[in-house]
Amino acid sequence: MYILDLKAEPEGLDETLARFRPQLAGITGVTCEANTMLRLASRVKEISGATVAVGGIHASNDPAFFNRESVDYVVTGLGKQRFAALAAALEQGGATTIPGVQRTTPGQTLAYHPRRDTIDDMVLERPPAYALTRRYRSHYVLEKLGLTMGFVASAYGCPHRCSFCSIQGQSGGAYLAKPIEAVLRDIALLEDIPVIRLVDANTFGDIARAR
């Protein structure tokens, strides 16, 4: 497995594809990056011919947007278990019918079946693999203070249904908060980082837990 952060390494795609030669490439992004995701998918196909799966908040809210020739699968929701299941199914050479994973059908309506995430989708037994992005730590900084930042997710989704917000699609409409022990474990993995940022859309969706 290899993670390429194109915000930290914007010119790294072609070289990485030529060197790593992936069989399965996952692309994620937010709504303002959706068209860029499509361009990246096309480039991945052109250089490596890899199977391309897209995910993230825009894919979760509007999976049909990615029903294009350059994309093979749309993974909705948190995607941790689903992406792993997709990789395993493809490795075995079989078609997949994984809930929350849509096979694209360009030119036809995308068959999409919404799935509400559960606590199992957080895969709490597997801590984040921070080692895979260690080489980018010099890019993750609070620029005005010159402090390196680490990122920890303590909750996903939101319990509210504001008309102007898309975050409920992140987890299929569910609000999922990690147990405090899991949050502390993840923070401890970044013990050499002076500033930890909680990258939650709503850290305080469960007030009793937040206290």
C-alpha atoms as a PDB file:
ATOM      1  CA  MET A   1       0.000   0.000   0.000  1.00  0.00           C
ATOM      2  CA  TYR A   2       1.196   3.508  -0.827  1.00  0.00           C
ATOM      3  CA  ILE A   3      -0.396   6.875  -0.011  1.00  0.00           C
ATOM      4  CA  LEU A   4       0.286   9.855  -2.266  1.00  0.00           C
ATOM      5  CA  ASP A   5      -0.774  13.229  -0.852  1.00  0.00           C
ATOM      6  CA  LEU A   6      -1.091  15.433  -3.917  1.00  0.00           C
ATOM      7  CA  LYS A   7      -1.500  18.567  -1.814  1.00  0.00           C
ATOM      8  CA  ALA A   8       1.952  17.990  -0.368  1.00  0.00           C
ATOM      9  CA  GLU A   9       3.405  16.494  -3.570  1.00  0.00           C
ATOM     10  CA  PRO A  10       1.356  18.028  -6.418  1.00  0.00           C
ATOM     11  CA  GLU A  11       3.652  16.807  -9.209  1.00  0.00           C
ATOM     12  CA  GLY A  12       4.070  13.301  -7.857  1.00  0.00           C
ATOM     13  CA  LEU A  13       1.339  11.337  -9.634  1.00  0.00           C
ATOM     14  CA  ASP A  14       3.076  10.257 -12.836  1.00  0.00           C
ATOM     15  CA  GLU A  15       6.305   9.242 -11.117  1.00  0.00           C
ATOM     16  CA  THR A  16       4.464   7.341  -8.403  1.00  0.00           C
ATOM     17  CA  LEU A  17       2.318   5.437 -10.898  1.00  0.00           C
ATOM     18  CA  ALA A  18       5.353   4.519 -12.990  1.00  0.00           C
ATOM     19  CA  ARG A  19       7.256   3.290  -9.944  1.00  0.00           C
ATOM     20  CA  PHE A  20       4.523   1.700  -7.830  1.00  0.00           C
ATOM     21  CA  ARG A  21       2.356   0.281 -10.653  1.00  0.00           C
ATOM     22  CA  PRO A  22      -0.856  -0.117  -8.618  1.00  0.00           C
ATOM     23  CA  GLN A  23      -3.533  -2.625  -9.514  1.00  0.00           C
ATOM     24  CA  LEU A  24      -6.130  -0.682  -7.513  1.00  0.00           C
ATOM     25  CA  ALA A  25      -6.039   3.090  -7.029  1.00  0.00           C
ATOM     26  CA  GLY A  26      -8.281   4.935  -4.585  1.00  0.00           C
ATOM     27  CA  ILE A  27      -8.978   8.654  -5.030  1.00  0.00           C
ATOM     28  CA  THR A  28     -10.714  10.828  -2.452  1.00  0.00           C
ATOM     29  CA  GLY A  29     -11.649  14.493  -2.279  1.00  0.00           C
ATOM     30  CA  VAL A  30     -14.275  17.026  -1.287  1.00  0.00           C
ATOM     31  CA  THR A  31     -16.889  18.612  -3.555  1.00  0.00           C
ATOM     32  CA  CYS A  32     -14.695  21.448  -4.848  1.00  0.00           C
ATOM     33  CA  GLU A  33     -12.164  18.798  -5.938  1.00  0.00           C
ATOM     34  CA  ALA A  34     -14.633  16.519  -7.751  1.00  0.00           C
ATOM     35  CA  ASN A  35     -13.595  17.538 -11.275  1.00  0.00           C
ATOM     36  CA  THR A  36      -9.939  17.200 -10.300  1.00  0.00           C
ATOM     37  CA  MET A  37     -10.699  13.683  -9.065  1.00  0.00           C
ATOM     38  CA  LEU A  38     -12.060  12.803 -12.506  1.00  0.00           C
ATOM     39  CA  ARG A  39      -8.939  14.176 -14.190  1.00  0.00           C
ATOM     40  CA  LEU A  40      -6.762  12.168 -11.809  1.00  0.00           C
ATOM     41  CA  ALA A  41      -8.792   9.027 -12.508  1.00  0.00           C
ATOM     42  CA  SER A  42      -8.251   9.473 -16.243  1.00  0.00           C
ATOM     43  CA  ARG A  43      -4.525   9.957 -15.709  1.00  0.00           C
ATOM     44  CA  VAL A  44      -4.291   6.852 -13.536  1.00  0.00           C
ATOM     45  CA  LYS A  45      -6.028   4.829 -16.250  1.00  0.00           C
ATOM     46  CA  GLU A  46      -3.784   6.264 -18.949  1.00  0.00           C
ATOM     47  CA  ILE A  47      -0.500   5.535 -17.174  1.00  0.00           C
ATOM     48  CA  SER A  48      -1.154   2.362 -15.204  1.00  0.00           C
ATOM     49  CA  GLY A  49      -4.453   0.866 -16.342  1.00  0.00           C
ATOM     50  CA  ALA A  50      -5.306   0.291 -12.676  1.00  0.00           C
ATOM     51  CA  THR A  51      -8.827  -0.267 -11.408  1.00  0.00           C
ATOM     52  CA  VAL A  52      -9.988   3.105 -10.047  1.00  0.00           C
ATOM     53  CA  ALA A  53     -12.256   3.558  -7.029  1.00  0.00           C
ATOM     54  CA  VAL A  54     -13.363   6.964  -5.770  1.00  0.00           C
ATOM     55  CA  GLY A  55     -14.691   7.883  -2.352  1.00  0.00           C
ATOM     56  CA  GLY A  56     -15.063  10.785   0.041  1.00  0.00           C
ATOM     57  CA  ILE A  57     -17.800  13.235   0.892  1.00  0.00           C
ATOM     58  CA  HIS A  58     -18.779  14.151  -2.694  1.00  0.00           C
ATOM     59  CA  ALA A  59     -18.873  10.534  -3.820  1.00  0.00           C
ATOM     60  CA  SER A  60     -21.045   9.723  -0.805  1.00  0.00           C
ATOM     61  CA  ASN A  61     -23.533  12.522  -1.464  1.00  0.00           C
ATOM     62  CA  ASP A  62     -23.596  12.309  -5.268  1.00  0.00           C
ATOM     63  CA  PRO A  63     -22.227   8.931  -6.399  1.00  0.00           C
ATOM     64  CA  ALA A  64     -23.787   9.338  -9.854  1.00  0.00           C
ATOM     65  CA  PHE A  65     -21.387  12.224 -10.552  1.00  0.00           C
ATOM     66  CA  PHE A  66     -18.592   9.659 -10.832  1.00  0.00           C
ATOM     67  CA  ASN A  67     -20.476   7.316 -13.154  1.00  0.00           C
ATOM     68  CA  ARG A  68     -17.821   7.878 -15.827  1.00  0.00           C
ATOM     69  CA  GLU A  69     -15.523   5.813 -18.036  1.00  0.00           C
ATOM     70  CA  SER A  70     -12.470   6.727 -15.961  1.00  0.00           C
ATOM     71  CA  VAL A  71     -13.977   5.353 -12.734  1.00  0.00           C
ATOM     72  CA  ASP A  72     -14.675   1.685 -12.016  1.00  0.00           C
ATOM     73  CA  TYR A  73     -16.172   1.806  -8.506  1.00  0.00           C
ATOM     74  CA  VAL A  74     -17.735   4.393  -6.205  1.00  0.00           C
ATOM     75  CA  VAL A  75     -17.262   3.703  -2.497  1.00  0.00           C
ATOM     76  CA  THR A  76     -19.709   5.578  -0.266  1.00  0.00           C
ATOM     77  CA  GLY A  77     -19.662   6.285   3.454  1.00  0.00           C
ATOM     78  CA  LEU A  78     -16.611   5.778   5.650  1.00  0.00           C
ATOM     79  CA  GLY A  79     -15.283   3.186   3.258  1.00  0.00           C
ATOM     80  CA  LYS A  80     -12.705   1.552   5.518  1.00  0.00           C
ATOM     81  CA  GLN A  81     -14.242  -1.906   5.490  1.00  0.00           C
ATOM     82  CA  ARG A  82     -15.731  -1.496   2.020  1.00  0.00           C
ATOM     83  CA  PHE A  83     -12.513  -0.523   0.291  1.00  0.00           C
ATOM     84  CA  ALA A  84     -10.691  -3.430   1.930  1.00  0.00           C
ATOM     85  CA  ALA A  85     -13.497  -5.786   0.884  1.00  0.00           C
ATOM     86  CA  LEU A  86     -13.338  -4.429  -2.669  1.00  0.00           C
ATOM     87  CA  ALA A  87      -9.579  -5.020  -2.830  1.00  0.00           C
ATOM     88  CA  ALA A  88     -10.031  -8.585  -1.571  1.00  0.00           C
ATOM     89  CA  ALA A  89     -12.815  -9.301  -4.072  1.00  0.00           C
ATOM     90  CA  LEU A  90     -10.785  -7.951  -6.987  1.00  0.00           C
ATOM     91  CA  GLU A  91      -7.761  -9.956  -5.907  1.00  0.00           C
ATOM     92  CA  GLN A  92      -9.894 -13.087  -6.151  1.00  0.00           C
ATOM     93  CA  GLY A  93     -10.998 -12.045  -9.618  1.00  0.00           C
ATOM     94  CA  GLY A  94     -14.692 -11.911  -8.836  1.00  0.00           C
ATOM     95  CA  ALA A  95     -17.347  -9.251  -9.330  1.00  0.00           C
ATOM     96  CA  THR A  96     -18.370  -7.524  -6.141  1.00  0.00           C
ATOM     97  CA  THR A  97     -21.790  -6.944  -4.592  1.00  0.00           C
ATOM     98  CA  ILE A  98     -20.510  -5.184  -1.481  1.00  0.00           C
ATOM     99  CA  PRO A  99     -23.115  -2.889   0.144  1.00  0.00           C
ATOM    100  CA  GLY A 100     -21.970   0.711  -0.252  1.00  0.00           C
ATOM    101  CA  VAL A 101     -19.747  -0.105  -3.261  1.00  0.00           C
ATOM    102  CA  GLN A 102     -21.224   0.724  -6.662  1.00  0.00           C
ATOM    103  CA  ARG A 103     -19.847  -0.579  -9.964  1.00  0.00           C
ATOM    104  CA  THR A 104     -20.072   2.242 -12.466  1.00  0.00           C
ATOM    105  CA  THR A 105     -22.251   1.889 -15.549  1.00  0.00           C
ATOM    106  CA  PRO A 106     -21.387   4.864 -17.804  1.00  0.00           C
ATOM    107  CA  GLY A 107     -24.275   5.806 -20.068  1.00  0.00           C
ATOM    108  CA  GLN A 108     -26.783   4.139 -17.748  1.00  0.00           C
ATOM    109  CA  THR A 109     -28.296   5.096 -14.408  1.00  0.00           C
ATOM    110  CA  LEU A 110     -25.998   4.166 -11.547  1.00  0.00           C
ATOM    111  CA  ALA A 111     -27.563   1.512  -9.324  1.00  0.00           C
ATOM    112  CA  TYR A 112     -27.083   3.088  -5.908  1.00  0.00           C
ATOM    113  CA  HIS A 113     -28.274   1.643  -2.618  1.00  0.00           C
ATOM    114  CA  PRO A 114     -27.656   3.988   0.341  1.00  0.00           C
ATOM    115  CA  ARG A 115     -26.245   2.305   3.429  1.00  0.00           C
ATOM    116  CA  ARG A 116     -26.121   3.775   6.916  1.00  0.00           C
ATOM    117  CA  ASP A 117     -22.754   3.276   8.572  1.00  0.00           C
ATOM    118  CA  THR A 118     -22.408   1.608  11.968  1.00  0.00           C
ATOM    119  CA  ILE A 119     -19.693   1.495  14.595  1.00  0.00           C
ATOM    120  CA  ASP A 120     -18.236  -1.535  12.803  1.00  0.00           C
ATOM    121  CA  ASP A 121     -17.393   0.691   9.828  1.00  0.00           C
ATOM    122  CA  MET A 122     -14.939   2.670  11.965  1.00  0.00           C
ATOM    123  CA  VAL A 123     -12.750  -0.470  12.296  1.00  0.00           C
ATOM    124  CA  LEU A 124     -11.735   0.593  15.796  1.00  0.00           C
ATOM    125  CA  GLU A 125      -9.413  -2.366  16.233  1.00  0.00           C
ATOM    126  CA  ARG A 126      -7.110  -0.964  13.519  1.00  0.00           C
ATOM    127  CA  PRO A 127      -5.381   2.294  14.502  1.00  0.00           C
ATOM    128  CA  PRO A 128      -4.456   4.777  11.758  1.00  0.00           C
ATOM    129  CA  ALA A 129      -1.342   3.811   9.763  1.00  0.00           C
ATOM    130  CA  TYR A 130       0.412   7.128  10.336  1.00  0.00           C
ATOM    131  CA  ALA A 131       3.704   5.666   9.117  1.00  0.00           C
ATOM    132  CA  LEU A 132       2.348   5.779   5.562  1.00  0.00           C
ATOM    133  CA  THR A 133       2.301   9.600   5.641  1.00  0.00           C
ATOM    134  CA  ARG A 134       5.338  10.212   7.855  1.00  0.00           C
ATOM    135  CA  ARG A 135       7.315  11.641   4.927  1.00  0.00           C
ATOM    136  CA  TYR A 136       4.752  14.441   4.598  1.00  0.00           C
ATOM    137  CA  ARG A 137       4.869  15.663   8.179  1.00  0.00           C
ATOM    138  CA  SER A 138       6.953  18.704   7.276  1.00  0.00           C
ATOM    139  CA  HIS A 139       3.991  19.814   5.131  1.00  0.00           C
ATOM    140  CA  TYR A 140       1.425  19.502   7.919  1.00  0.00           C
ATOM    141  CA  VAL A 141       2.140  22.693   9.845  1.00  0.00           C
ATOM    142  CA  LEU A 142       0.497  25.683  11.487  1.00  0.00           C
ATOM    143  CA  GLU A 143       2.327  28.156   9.280  1.00  0.00           C
ATOM    144  CA  LYS A 144       2.032  31.244  11.495  1.00  0.00           C
ATOM    145  CA  LEU A 145       3.463  29.385  14.484  1.00  0.00           C
ATOM    146  CA  GLY A 146       5.708  26.994  12.597  1.00  0.00           C
ATOM    147  CA  LEU A 147       4.324  24.011  14.515  1.00  0.00           C
ATOM    148  CA  THR A 148       3.923  20.542  13.048  1.00  0.00           C
ATOM    149  CA  MET A 149       0.375  19.163  13.247  1.00  0.00           C
ATOM    150  CA  GLY A 150      -0.994  15.669  13.576  1.00  0.00           C
ATOM    151  CA  PHE A 151      -4.541  14.723  12.602  1.00  0.00           C
ATOM    152  CA  VAL A 152      -6.901  12.511  14.588  1.00  0.00           C
ATOM    153  CA  ALA A 153     -10.520  11.664  13.771  1.00  0.00           C
ATOM    154  CA  SER A 154     -12.673  11.246  16.874  1.00  0.00           C
ATOM    155  CA  ALA A 155     -16.121  11.287  15.245  1.00  0.00           C
ATOM    156  CA  TYR A 156     -17.789  10.974  11.851  1.00  0.00           C
ATOM    157  CA  GLY A 157     -20.980  12.473  10.481  1.00  0.00           C
ATOM    158  CA  CYS A 158     -23.359  14.718  12.392  1.00  0.00           C
ATOM    159  CA  PRO A 159     -26.638  14.248  14.322  1.00  0.00           C
ATOM    160  CA  HIS A 160     -28.169  17.360  12.745  1.00  0.00           C
ATOM    161  CA  ARG A 161     -29.793  17.817   9.334  1.00  0.00           C
ATOM    162  CA  CYS A 162     -28.937  21.388   8.346  1.00  0.00           C
ATOM    163  CA  SER A 163     -30.096  22.181   4.811  1.00  0.00           C
ATOM    164  CA  PHE A 164     -26.821  23.914   3.917  1.00  0.00           C
ATOM    165  CA  CYS A 165     -24.502  21.097   5.032  1.00  0.00           C
ATOM    166  CA  SER A 166     -23.414  17.897   3.307  1.00  0.00           C
ATOM    167  CA  ILE A 167     -21.581  16.176   6.156  1.00  0.00           C
ATOM    168  CA  GLN A 168     -24.384  13.728   6.974  1.00  0.00           C
ATOM    169  CA  GLY A 169     -23.437  11.873   3.799  1.00  0.00           C
ATOM    170  CA  GLN A 170     -20.026  11.063   5.250  1.00  0.00           C
ATOM    171  CA  SER A 171     -21.469   8.159   7.204  1.00  0.00           C
ATOM    172  CA  GLY A 172     -24.803   7.517   5.536  1.00  0.00           C
ATOM    173  CA  GLY A 173     -26.685   9.793   7.917  1.00  0.00           C
ATOM    174  CA  ALA A 174     -25.284   8.304  11.121  1.00  0.00           C
ATOM    175  CA  TYR A 175     -23.305  10.129  13.818  1.00  0.00           C
ATOM    176  CA  LEU A 176     -20.494   7.864  14.964  1.00  0.00           C
ATOM    177  CA  ALA A 177     -18.183   8.826  17.813  1.00  0.00           C
ATOM    178  CA  LYS A 178     -15.077   6.859  18.711  1.00  0.00           C
ATOM    179  CA  PRO A 179     -14.717   5.612  22.279  1.00  0.00           C
ATOM    180  CA  ILE A 180     -12.475   7.926  24.294  1.00  0.00           C
ATOM    181  CA  GLU A 181      -9.923   5.127  24.710  1.00  0.00           C
ATOM    182  CA  ALA A 182      -9.541   4.828  20.926  1.00  0.00           C
ATOM    183  CA  VAL A 183      -9.077   8.592  20.554  1.00  0.00           C
ATOM    184  CA  LEU A 184      -6.364   8.632  23.229  1.00  0.00           C
ATOM    185  CA  ARG A 185      -4.672   5.656  21.569  1.00  0.00           C
ATOM    186  CA  ASP A 186      -4.554   7.459  18.225  1.00  0.00           C
ATOM    187  CA  ILE A 187      -3.192  10.642  19.818  1.00  0.00           C
ATOM    188  CA  ALA A 188      -0.489   8.614  21.577  1.00  0.00           C
ATOM    189  CA  LEU A 189       0.683   7.316  18.198  1.00  0.00           C
ATOM    190  CA  LEU A 190       1.640  10.920  17.394  1.00  0.00           C
ATOM    191  CA  GLU A 191       3.533  11.531  20.630  1.00  0.00           C
ATOM    192  CA  ASP A 192       6.297  13.456  18.838  1.00  0.00           C
ATOM    193  CA  ILE A 193       3.818  15.923  17.294  1.00  0.00           C
ATOM    194  CA  PRO A 194       3.253  19.139  19.329  1.00  0.00           C
ATOM    195  CA  VAL A 195      -0.220  20.015  17.981  1.00  0.00           C
ATOM    196  CA  ILE A 196      -3.077  17.569  17.418  1.00  0.00           C
ATOM    197  CA  ARG A 197      -6.044  18.655  15.328  1.00  0.00           C
ATOM    198  CA  LEU A 198      -9.328  16.784  15.601  1.00  0.00           C
ATOM    199  CA  VAL A 199     -10.534  16.568  12.008  1.00  0.00           C
ATOM    200  CA  ASP A 200     -14.192  15.977  12.862  1.00  0.00           C
ATOM    201  CA  ALA A 201     -17.111  17.746  11.252  1.00  0.00           C
ATOM    202  CA  ASN A 202     -18.766  17.752  14.683  1.00  0.00           C
ATOM    203  CA  THR A 203     -16.666  16.767  17.682  1.00  0.00           C
ATOM    204  CA  PHE A 204     -19.458  17.781  20.056  1.00  0.00           C
ATOM    205  CA  GLY A 205     -22.399  15.864  18.597  1.00  0.00           C
ATOM    206  CA  ASP A 206     -22.510  13.866  21.828  1.00  0.00           C
ATOM    207  CA  ILE A 207     -22.171  16.483  24.570  1.00  0.00           C
ATOM    208  CA  ALA A 208     -21.776  14.011  27.432  1.00  0.00           C
ATOM    209  CA  ARG A 209     -18.907  12.272  25.653  1.00  0.00           C
ATOM    210  CA  ALA A 210     -17.256  15.560  24.633  1.00  0.00           C
ATOM    211  CA  ARG A 211     -17.141  16.669  28.266  1.00  0.00           C
END
